[in-house]
Amino acid sequence: MSNEKHGPADHEVVSFDNEALILVNDRDEQIGSMSKALAHDGDGVLHRAFSLFIFDDSGRLLLQRRSAAKRLGPLYWSNSCCSHPRDGETMEVATMRRLEQELGIRTRLEFVYKFTYRAEFDDAGSENEFCSVYLGRCDTKPRVNETEIAEWRFVSTAELEQEFIDRPDLFTPWFKLEWRRLSGDFQERLAAYTGSV
């Protein structure tokens, strides 16, 4: 598995345990807010999130390896960018903010679908999210934030599928769920970014 280390560091801290996340019901309607730390304790409290899949002009997906400092899923490989809108923030504003903060890029995003999932990380806590999934394209080299990302690389669809078979334990659970749905139910929309069917 060949890795591409990131270039000049950006060390801005952009994640905070006390930032207020949006709590939702099973229809993705806001029912309150809670600090990020508390929302991920124990079994987790259902909150709004997003997951971004960014492709280059060759149809390769940008992957990131999560920082060792992450509470949940440290050093796991994942899709291009994942985070949460903060209380009072629209999804459009939140996704653009996070793309710039983590990857130093701006691009148009296409909403594809949303789903709920829960993933436990031993005693560290749980993800319990109502997650919106977006696709996007970027032709510029990322300038990643080292406080969020340990490594990054681009992979083809074929390479990614093989890695999921060979070493599924290296990847975040939400990434595997999202990719399976994208490459199944939304195959044609995915193909517009990957160049393959």
C-alpha atoms as a PDB file:
ATOM      1  CA  MET A   1       0.000   0.000   0.000  1.00  0.00           C
ATOM      2  CA  SER A   2       1.802   3.125  -1.154  1.00  0.00           C
ATOM      3  CA  ASN A   3       1.225   6.264   0.920  1.00  0.00           C
ATOM      4  CA  GLU A   4       1.757   9.881   0.020  1.00  0.00           C
ATOM      5  CA  LYS A   5       2.883  12.015   2.934  1.00  0.00           C
ATOM      6  CA  HIS A   6       1.443  15.486   3.053  1.00  0.00           C
ATOM      7  CA  GLY A   7       3.362  18.648   2.271  1.00  0.00           C
ATOM      8  CA  PRO A   8       3.828  21.824   4.312  1.00  0.00           C
ATOM      9  CA  ALA A   9       1.998  21.578   7.612  1.00  0.00           C
ATOM     10  CA  ASP A  10      -0.993  23.566   8.708  1.00  0.00           C
ATOM     11  CA  HIS A  11      -1.296  23.171  12.477  1.00  0.00           C
ATOM     12  CA  GLU A  12      -4.471  25.176  13.111  1.00  0.00           C
ATOM     13  CA  VAL A  13      -6.642  23.473  15.729  1.00  0.00           C
ATOM     14  CA  VAL A  14     -10.144  23.192  14.243  1.00  0.00           C
ATOM     15  CA  SER A  15     -11.842  20.560  16.431  1.00  0.00           C
ATOM     16  CA  PHE A  16     -13.000  21.252  19.974  1.00  0.00           C
ATOM     17  CA  ASP A  17     -14.618  18.973  22.550  1.00  0.00           C
ATOM     18  CA  ASN A  18     -16.961  21.775  23.635  1.00  0.00           C
ATOM     19  CA  GLU A  19     -18.309  22.688  20.187  1.00  0.00           C
ATOM     20  CA  ALA A  20     -22.087  22.278  20.103  1.00  0.00           C
ATOM     21  CA  LEU A  21     -23.346  19.571  17.728  1.00  0.00           C
ATOM     22  CA  ILE A  22     -26.900  19.325  16.383  1.00  0.00           C
ATOM     23  CA  LEU A  23     -28.947  16.558  18.000  1.00  0.00           C
ATOM     24  CA  VAL A  24     -31.617  15.068  15.717  1.00  0.00           C
ATOM     25  CA  ASN A  25     -34.464  12.565  15.724  1.00  0.00           C
ATOM     26  CA  ASP A  26     -34.887   9.679  13.262  1.00  0.00           C
ATOM     27  CA  ARG A  27     -36.195  12.139  10.636  1.00  0.00           C
ATOM     28  CA  ASP A  28     -33.093  14.358  10.881  1.00  0.00           C
ATOM     29  CA  GLU A  29     -35.055  17.110  12.630  1.00  0.00           C
ATOM     30  CA  GLN A  30     -33.156  19.122  15.214  1.00  0.00           C
ATOM     31  CA  ILE A  31     -34.232  18.372  18.782  1.00  0.00           C
ATOM     32  CA  GLY A  32     -31.427  20.096  20.680  1.00  0.00           C
ATOM     33  CA  SER A  33     -27.670  20.484  20.900  1.00  0.00           C
ATOM     34  CA  MET A  34     -24.854  18.941  22.920  1.00  0.00           C
ATOM     35  CA  SER A  35     -21.081  19.244  23.193  1.00  0.00           C
ATOM     36  CA  LYS A  36     -19.108  17.023  20.864  1.00  0.00           C
ATOM     37  CA  ALA A  37     -17.489  15.267  23.818  1.00  0.00           C
ATOM     38  CA  LEU A  38     -20.797  14.316  25.444  1.00  0.00           C
ATOM     39  CA  ALA A  39     -22.420  13.345  22.122  1.00  0.00           C
ATOM     40  CA  HIS A  40     -19.732  10.675  21.647  1.00  0.00           C
ATOM     41  CA  ASP A  41     -19.737   9.261  25.189  1.00  0.00           C
ATOM     42  CA  GLY A  42     -21.004   5.724  25.813  1.00  0.00           C
ATOM     43  CA  ASP A  43     -23.423   4.610  23.097  1.00  0.00           C
ATOM     44  CA  GLY A  44     -23.434   8.129  21.611  1.00  0.00           C
ATOM     45  CA  VAL A  45     -26.357  10.507  21.073  1.00  0.00           C
ATOM     46  CA  LEU A  46     -27.771  10.785  17.550  1.00  0.00           C
ATOM     47  CA  HIS A  47     -26.400  13.939  15.908  1.00  0.00           C
ATOM     48  CA  ARG A  48     -26.059  15.436  12.437  1.00  0.00           C
ATOM     49  CA  ALA A  49     -22.887  14.758  10.441  1.00  0.00           C
ATOM     50  CA  PHE A  50     -21.525  14.733   6.904  1.00  0.00           C
ATOM     51  CA  SER A  51     -19.109  12.667   4.859  1.00  0.00           C
ATOM     52  CA  LEU A  52     -17.338  13.959   1.734  1.00  0.00           C
ATOM     53  CA  PHE A  53     -15.849  11.989  -1.152  1.00  0.00           C
ATOM     54  CA  ILE A  54     -13.464  14.106  -3.256  1.00  0.00           C
ATOM     55  CA  PHE A  55     -12.070  12.812  -6.553  1.00  0.00           C
ATOM     56  CA  ASP A  56      -9.267  14.077  -8.776  1.00  0.00           C
ATOM     57  CA  ASP A  57      -9.485  14.509 -12.553  1.00  0.00           C
ATOM     58  CA  SER A  58      -8.308  10.907 -13.023  1.00  0.00           C
ATOM     59  CA  GLY A  59     -11.239   9.562 -11.014  1.00  0.00           C
ATOM     60  CA  ARG A  60      -9.159   8.649  -7.965  1.00  0.00           C
ATOM     61  CA  LEU A  61     -10.594   9.117  -4.476  1.00  0.00           C
ATOM     62  CA  LEU A  62      -8.748  11.219  -1.910  1.00  0.00           C
ATOM     63  CA  LEU A  63      -8.274   9.233   1.308  1.00  0.00           C
ATOM     64  CA  GLN A  64      -7.077  10.535   4.649  1.00  0.00           C
ATOM     65  CA  ARG A  65      -5.569   8.700   7.588  1.00  0.00           C
ATOM     66  CA  ARG A  66      -7.016  10.155  10.753  1.00  0.00           C
ATOM     67  CA  SER A  67      -4.692  11.788  13.248  1.00  0.00           C
ATOM     68  CA  ALA A  68      -3.362   9.695  16.132  1.00  0.00           C
ATOM     69  CA  ALA A  69      -4.922  12.299  18.437  1.00  0.00           C
ATOM     70  CA  LYS A  70      -8.461  11.455  17.317  1.00  0.00           C
ATOM     71  CA  ARG A  71     -10.645  10.081  20.106  1.00  0.00           C
ATOM     72  CA  LEU A  72     -12.545   7.724  17.777  1.00  0.00           C
ATOM     73  CA  GLY A  73     -10.819   5.843  14.992  1.00  0.00           C
ATOM     74  CA  PRO A  74      -7.265   7.196  15.422  1.00  0.00           C
ATOM     75  CA  LEU A  75      -4.963   6.270  12.503  1.00  0.00           C
ATOM     76  CA  TYR A  76      -7.797   4.621  10.581  1.00  0.00           C
ATOM     77  CA  TRP A  77      -7.963   5.373   6.859  1.00  0.00           C
ATOM     78  CA  SER A  78     -11.178   7.095   5.833  1.00  0.00           C
ATOM     79  CA  ASN A  79     -12.834   9.017   3.027  1.00  0.00           C
ATOM     80  CA  SER A  80     -11.758  12.538   2.118  1.00  0.00           C
ATOM     81  CA  CYS A  81     -13.395  14.478   4.937  1.00  0.00           C
ATOM     82  CA  CYS A  82     -15.928  13.841   7.737  1.00  0.00           C
ATOM     83  CA  SER A  83     -17.277  16.140  10.406  1.00  0.00           C
ATOM     84  CA  HIS A  84     -20.360  17.801  11.915  1.00  0.00           C
ATOM     85  CA  PRO A  85     -22.264  21.015  11.355  1.00  0.00           C
ATOM     86  CA  ARG A  86     -22.218  23.079  14.530  1.00  0.00           C
ATOM     87  CA  ASP A  87     -25.384  24.274  16.207  1.00  0.00           C
ATOM     88  CA  GLY A  88     -26.823  27.109  14.114  1.00  0.00           C
ATOM     89  CA  GLU A  89     -24.749  26.189  11.037  1.00  0.00           C
ATOM     90  CA  THR A  90     -26.202  24.972   7.726  1.00  0.00           C
ATOM     91  CA  MET A  91     -24.812  21.877   6.050  1.00  0.00           C
ATOM     92  CA  GLU A  92     -23.603  23.986   3.111  1.00  0.00           C
ATOM     93  CA  VAL A  93     -21.587  26.278   5.377  1.00  0.00           C
ATOM     94  CA  ALA A  94     -20.273  23.389   7.483  1.00  0.00           C
ATOM     95  CA  THR A  95     -19.049  21.287   4.555  1.00  0.00           C
ATOM     96  CA  MET A  96     -17.240  24.234   2.964  1.00  0.00           C
ATOM     97  CA  ARG A  97     -15.707  25.226   6.294  1.00  0.00           C
ATOM     98  CA  ARG A  98     -14.399  21.763   6.975  1.00  0.00           C
ATOM     99  CA  LEU A  99     -13.022  21.215   3.467  1.00  0.00           C
ATOM    100  CA  GLU A 100     -10.926  24.337   3.845  1.00  0.00           C
ATOM    101  CA  GLN A 101      -9.890  23.597   7.425  1.00  0.00           C
ATOM    102  CA  GLU A 102      -8.810  20.002   6.805  1.00  0.00           C
ATOM    103  CA  LEU A 103      -7.739  19.939   3.161  1.00  0.00           C
ATOM    104  CA  GLY A 104      -7.231  23.562   2.142  1.00  0.00           C
ATOM    105  CA  ILE A 105      -9.557  23.196  -0.856  1.00  0.00           C
ATOM    106  CA  ARG A 106     -12.849  24.562  -2.118  1.00  0.00           C
ATOM    107  CA  THR A 107     -15.104  22.730  -4.544  1.00  0.00           C
ATOM    108  CA  ARG A 108     -18.746  22.265  -5.428  1.00  0.00           C
ATOM    109  CA  LEU A 109     -20.384  19.347  -3.632  1.00  0.00           C
ATOM    110  CA  GLU A 110     -23.258  17.142  -4.790  1.00  0.00           C
ATOM    111  CA  PHE A 111     -25.556  15.690  -2.114  1.00  0.00           C
ATOM    112  CA  VAL A 112     -26.255  11.994  -2.700  1.00  0.00           C
ATOM    113  CA  TYR A 113     -28.039  10.483   0.310  1.00  0.00           C
ATOM    114  CA  LYS A 114     -28.246  10.418   4.104  1.00  0.00           C
ATOM    115  CA  PHE A 115     -28.342   7.518   6.553  1.00  0.00           C
ATOM    116  CA  THR A 116     -27.965   6.656  10.224  1.00  0.00           C
ATOM    117  CA  TYR A 117     -25.321   4.436  11.711  1.00  0.00           C
ATOM    118  CA  ARG A 118     -23.673   3.686  15.040  1.00  0.00           C
ATOM    119  CA  ALA A 119     -20.116   2.463  15.563  1.00  0.00           C
ATOM    120  CA  GLU A 120     -18.511   1.618  18.902  1.00  0.00           C
ATOM    121  CA  PHE A 121     -14.819   2.193  19.621  1.00  0.00           C
ATOM    122  CA  ASP A 122     -14.289   0.127  22.782  1.00  0.00           C
ATOM    123  CA  ASP A 123     -14.146   2.357  25.863  1.00  0.00           C
ATOM    124  CA  ALA A 124     -13.378   5.506  23.828  1.00  0.00           C
ATOM    125  CA  GLY A 125     -17.042   6.082  22.933  1.00  0.00           C
ATOM    126  CA  SER A 126     -19.296   5.755  19.895  1.00  0.00           C
ATOM    127  CA  GLU A 127     -20.313   7.442  16.699  1.00  0.00           C
ATOM    128  CA  ASN A 128     -24.106   7.756  16.476  1.00  0.00           C
ATOM    129  CA  GLU A 129     -24.799   9.880  13.429  1.00  0.00           C
ATOM    130  CA  PHE A 130     -27.392  10.956  10.891  1.00  0.00           C
ATOM    131  CA  CYS A 131     -24.882  11.421   8.115  1.00  0.00           C
ATOM    132  CA  SER A 132     -25.273  13.216   4.760  1.00  0.00           C
ATOM    133  CA  VAL A 133     -22.989  11.939   1.974  1.00  0.00           C
ATOM    134  CA  TYR A 134     -21.600  14.223  -0.748  1.00  0.00           C
ATOM    135  CA  LEU A 135     -19.448  13.826  -3.849  1.00  0.00           C
ATOM    136  CA  GLY A 136     -17.052  16.428  -5.243  1.00  0.00           C
ATOM    137  CA  ARG A 137     -14.088  16.934  -7.548  1.00  0.00           C
ATOM    138  CA  CYS A 138     -10.866  18.860  -7.037  1.00  0.00           C
ATOM    139  CA  ASP A 139      -7.902  19.316  -9.381  1.00  0.00           C
ATOM    140  CA  THR A 140      -5.567  20.965  -6.853  1.00  0.00           C
ATOM    141  CA  LYS A 141      -3.191  19.291  -4.397  1.00  0.00           C
ATOM    142  CA  PRO A 142      -4.583  19.248  -0.861  1.00  0.00           C
ATOM    143  CA  ARG A 143      -2.848  21.261   1.840  1.00  0.00           C
ATOM    144  CA  VAL A 144      -3.767  19.173   4.842  1.00  0.00           C
ATOM    145  CA  ASN A 145      -4.089  20.101   8.482  1.00  0.00           C
ATOM    146  CA  GLU A 146      -1.750  17.970  10.608  1.00  0.00           C
ATOM    147  CA  THR A 147      -3.938  18.301  13.690  1.00  0.00           C
ATOM    148  CA  GLU A 148      -6.614  16.318  11.794  1.00  0.00           C
ATOM    149  CA  ILE A 149      -4.774  14.208   9.226  1.00  0.00           C
ATOM    150  CA  ALA A 150      -1.733  11.946   9.624  1.00  0.00           C
ATOM    151  CA  GLU A 151      -1.376  10.994   5.932  1.00  0.00           C
ATOM    152  CA  TRP A 152      -3.240  11.263   2.655  1.00  0.00           C
ATOM    153  CA  ARG A 153      -3.256   9.566  -0.733  1.00  0.00           C
ATOM    154  CA  PHE A 154      -5.312   9.051  -3.893  1.00  0.00           C
ATOM    155  CA  VAL A 155      -6.589   5.581  -4.845  1.00  0.00           C
ATOM    156  CA  SER A 156      -8.417   4.196  -7.849  1.00  0.00           C
ATOM    157  CA  THR A 157     -11.727   2.392  -7.414  1.00  0.00           C
ATOM    158  CA  ALA A 158     -10.052  -0.950  -8.145  1.00  0.00           C
ATOM    159  CA  GLU A 159      -7.300  -0.318  -5.588  1.00  0.00           C
ATOM    160  CA  LEU A 160      -9.812   0.664  -2.934  1.00  0.00           C
ATOM    161  CA  GLU A 161     -12.009  -2.381  -3.523  1.00  0.00           C
ATOM    162  CA  GLN A 162      -8.963  -4.654  -3.192  1.00  0.00           C
ATOM    163  CA  GLU A 163      -7.843  -2.956   0.019  1.00  0.00           C
ATOM    164  CA  PHE A 164     -11.309  -3.434   1.506  1.00  0.00           C
ATOM    165  CA  ILE A 165     -10.934  -7.152   0.788  1.00  0.00           C
ATOM    166  CA  ASP A 166      -7.326  -7.475   1.976  1.00  0.00           C
ATOM    167  CA  ARG A 167      -7.361  -5.204   5.059  1.00  0.00           C
ATOM    168  CA  PRO A 168     -10.869  -4.066   6.020  1.00  0.00           C
ATOM    169  CA  ASP A 169      -9.667  -3.393   9.576  1.00  0.00           C
ATOM    170  CA  LEU A 170      -7.626  -0.398   8.368  1.00  0.00           C
ATOM    171  CA  PHE A 171     -10.712   1.665   7.466  1.00  0.00           C
ATOM    172  CA  THR A 172     -13.365   3.530   9.440  1.00  0.00           C
ATOM    173  CA  PRO A 173     -16.703   1.707   9.680  1.00  0.00           C
ATOM    174  CA  TRP A 174     -18.698   4.610   8.209  1.00  0.00           C
ATOM    175  CA  PHE A 175     -16.403   4.800   5.158  1.00  0.00           C
ATOM    176  CA  LYS A 176     -16.987   1.121   4.351  1.00  0.00           C
ATOM    177  CA  LEU A 177     -20.756   1.497   4.774  1.00  0.00           C
ATOM    178  CA  GLU A 178     -20.875   4.621   2.603  1.00  0.00           C
ATOM    179  CA  TRP A 179     -18.721   3.196  -0.169  1.00  0.00           C
ATOM    180  CA  ARG A 180     -20.797   0.025  -0.334  1.00  0.00           C
ATOM    181  CA  ARG A 181     -23.967   2.118  -0.768  1.00  0.00           C
ATOM    182  CA  LEU A 182     -22.388   4.537  -3.259  1.00  0.00           C
ATOM    183  CA  SER A 183     -21.003   1.735  -5.440  1.00  0.00           C
ATOM    184  CA  GLY A 184     -24.314  -0.127  -5.274  1.00  0.00           C
ATOM    185  CA  ASP A 185     -27.437   2.054  -5.117  1.00  0.00           C
ATOM    186  CA  PHE A 186     -25.717   5.145  -6.557  1.00  0.00           C
ATOM    187  CA  GLN A 187     -23.362   3.519  -9.051  1.00  0.00           C
ATOM    188  CA  GLU A 188     -24.227   5.840 -11.944  1.00  0.00           C
ATOM    189  CA  ARG A 189     -23.725   9.004  -9.915  1.00  0.00           C
ATOM    190  CA  LEU A 190     -20.426   7.676  -8.593  1.00  0.00           C
ATOM    191  CA  ALA A 191     -19.320   6.835 -12.137  1.00  0.00           C
ATOM    192  CA  ALA A 192     -19.613  10.504 -13.100  1.00  0.00           C
ATOM    193  CA  TYR A 193     -16.663  11.125 -10.739  1.00  0.00           C
ATOM    194  CA  THR A 194     -14.665   7.905 -11.160  1.00  0.00           C
ATOM    195  CA  GLY A 195     -15.114   7.558 -14.918  1.00  0.00           C
ATOM    196  CA  SER A 196     -16.133   3.906 -14.549  1.00  0.00           C
ATOM    197  CA  VAL A 197     -19.331   1.930 -14.095  1.00  0.00           C
END
